[in-house]
Protein backbone atom coordinates (compact mmCIF):
# COMPACT_ATOMS: atom_id res chain seq x y z
CA UNK A 1 -40.46 -27.99 -30.16
CA UNK A 2 -39.47 -31.28 -30.41
CA UNK A 3 -38.89 -33.15 -32.78
CA UNK A 4 -36.57 -37.07 -33.06
CA UNK A 5 -33.82 -37.58 -32.92
CA UNK A 6 -30.65 -39.88 -32.07
CA UNK A 7 -28.82 -39.60 -27.76
CA UNK A 8 -26.48 -37.66 -29.78
CA UNK A 9 -28.78 -34.43 -31.21
CA UNK A 10 -28.96 -33.72 -27.48
CA UNK A 11 -26.26 -32.48 -27.16
CA UNK A 12 -26.92 -29.77 -30.39
CA UNK A 13 -28.41 -25.79 -29.52
CA UNK A 14 -32.18 -27.34 -29.55
CA UNK A 15 -33.84 -26.36 -26.34
CA UNK A 16 -36.33 -30.25 -25.78
CA UNK A 17 -35.17 -33.76 -27.63
CA UNK A 18 -37.25 -37.20 -28.14
CA UNK A 19 -34.54 -39.31 -27.11
CA UNK A 20 -35.99 -43.11 -28.59
CA UNK A 21 -34.09 -46.09 -27.06
CA UNK A 22 -35.31 -49.38 -27.62
CA UNK A 23 -35.62 -52.03 -24.82
CA UNK A 24 -35.62 -55.04 -24.28
CA UNK A 25 -34.74 -58.81 -22.66
CA UNK A 26 -34.11 -57.44 -18.89
CA UNK A 27 -31.04 -55.44 -19.55
CA UNK A 28 -30.37 -51.25 -18.60
CA UNK A 29 -29.77 -49.66 -22.10
CA UNK A 30 -27.94 -46.20 -21.32
CA UNK A 31 -29.68 -42.88 -22.95
CA UNK A 32 -26.54 -40.54 -22.04
CA UNK A 33 -23.47 -40.66 -21.48
CA UNK A 34 -20.52 -38.90 -19.74
CA UNK A 35 -19.06 -35.87 -21.98
CA UNK A 36 -22.50 -34.31 -22.31
CA UNK A 37 -22.07 -30.61 -21.53
CA UNK A 38 -25.35 -29.73 -20.15
CA UNK A 39 -28.23 -30.57 -17.85
CA UNK A 40 -31.48 -32.48 -18.93
CA UNK A 41 -34.63 -32.34 -17.31
CA UNK A 42 -37.30 -35.70 -18.38
CA UNK A 43 -41.06 -33.51 -18.92
CA UNK A 44 -42.41 -36.61 -20.70
CA UNK A 45 -42.33 -40.40 -21.90
CA UNK A 46 -43.80 -43.28 -23.43
CA UNK A 47 -43.32 -46.68 -24.75
CA UNK A 48 -44.63 -48.10 -27.63
CA UNK A 49 -44.68 -52.25 -27.41
CA UNK A 50 -43.64 -54.00 -30.81
CA UNK A 51 -43.49 -57.28 -29.66
CA UNK A 52 -44.01 -60.36 -27.04
CA UNK A 53 -46.90 -60.46 -24.36
CA UNK A 54 -46.79 -61.06 -20.46
CA UNK A 55 -45.78 -58.97 -17.78
CA UNK A 56 -43.59 -55.95 -18.19
CA UNK A 57 -42.44 -52.61 -17.04
CA UNK A 58 -40.43 -49.74 -18.33
CA UNK A 59 -38.85 -47.39 -15.49
CA UNK A 60 -36.60 -44.05 -16.64
CA UNK A 61 -34.19 -43.63 -13.88
CA UNK A 62 -31.28 -41.25 -13.73
CA UNK A 63 -28.85 -43.22 -12.35
CA UNK A 64 -29.84 -45.88 -10.07
CA UNK A 65 -33.16 -43.06 -8.76
CA UNK A 66 -36.22 -43.87 -10.45
CA UNK A 67 -36.88 -40.87 -12.55
CA UNK A 68 -40.69 -42.50 -13.77
CA UNK A 69 -43.20 -44.89 -12.34
CA UNK A 70 -42.96 -48.97 -13.99
CA UNK A 71 -44.81 -47.70 -17.13
CA UNK A 72 -47.22 -51.21 -18.02
CA UNK A 73 -44.98 -52.58 -21.59
CA UNK A 74 -47.67 -55.82 -21.17
CA UNK A 75 -49.97 -54.64 -24.12
CA UNK A 76 -51.54 -55.26 -27.36
CA UNK A 77 -48.14 -54.63 -29.87
CA UNK A 78 -48.61 -52.09 -31.11
CA UNK A 79 -50.02 -49.30 -28.40
CA UNK A 80 -48.17 -46.71 -26.82
CA UNK A 81 -48.32 -46.18 -22.83
CA UNK A 82 -48.21 -42.56 -21.37
CA UNK A 83 -45.92 -42.37 -18.33
CA UNK A 84 -48.35 -42.51 -15.50
CA UNK A 85 -46.36 -40.46 -13.10
CA UNK A 86 -42.66 -38.14 -13.22
CA UNK A 87 -39.92 -38.06 -9.49
CA UNK A 88 -39.34 -33.95 -10.07
CA UNK A 89 -36.58 -35.28 -6.80
CA UNK A 90 -34.98 -36.67 -9.50
CA UNK A 91 -36.15 -34.95 -13.35
CA UNK A 92 -32.79 -32.79 -13.52
CA UNK A 93 -30.24 -35.27 -14.91
CA UNK A 94 -26.14 -33.41 -14.84
CA UNK A 95 -24.41 -33.47 -17.33
CA UNK A 96 -22.80 -36.49 -17.74
CA UNK A 97 -24.87 -38.83 -15.36
CA UNK A 98 -26.72 -42.28 -17.20
CA UNK A 99 -29.76 -41.59 -17.67
CA UNK A 100 -31.33 -45.07 -18.05
CA UNK A 101 -33.75 -47.05 -19.28
CA UNK A 102 -34.25 -50.93 -17.66
CA UNK A 103 -36.53 -53.38 -19.23
CA UNK A 104 -38.21 -55.52 -16.12
CA UNK A 105 -38.12 -58.97 -18.21
CA UNK A 106 -37.31 -60.96 -21.27
CA UNK A 107 -40.76 -60.47 -22.61
CA UNK A 108 -41.38 -57.48 -24.92
CA UNK A 109 -39.61 -55.56 -26.55
CA UNK A 110 -40.47 -51.94 -27.83
CA UNK A 111 -39.20 -48.37 -27.81
CA UNK A 112 -39.47 -45.88 -24.56
CA UNK A 113 -39.25 -42.59 -25.80
CA UNK A 114 -37.91 -40.31 -23.37
CA UNK A 115 -38.62 -36.20 -24.38
CA UNK A 116 -36.66 -34.49 -22.28
CA UNK A 117 -35.48 -30.41 -22.11
CA UNK A 118 -31.84 -28.82 -22.03
CA UNK A 119 -31.28 -26.75 -19.17
CA UNK A 120 -29.34 -23.84 -20.58
CA UNK A 121 -26.05 -22.57 -18.58
CA UNK A 122 -26.96 -19.02 -16.45
C-alpha cells in the first residue's frame, strides 16, 4: 500500500512509499542520501506541473544512471504526466546511493512523485 510521505519515511517499516521531490531551475535534487540502510526499487513515477511553460523534461537517476525516460514537463499547469519507461538495469537503488531528479531547464516548476518499494534484507 502506498502513502504520501516525506523522504525520511522510506526508512520506516513500510514496503511501498511515494517520495515527493520538488524541481525547478535546472537543478538536481537528491531524494535519498548516504545513511539509508536498505535498497529501494523504483516502480513508478509521475510529474505534476505547477507553473511555467516551455521545453522542459524531468529525469530520475540512480547516481548518474538514468532510471526513467525524459518525462515531458511542458504541460498545462495542473497536468500529471506519468513516466513512459523505467530502465530495469537501474531501478534498484543501493542503500546510500543518491536518487536524483533532474529538471532540464528553468522554465518549469513542479513535483516529481516517485513510487518506491523497500527491498527487505534476505
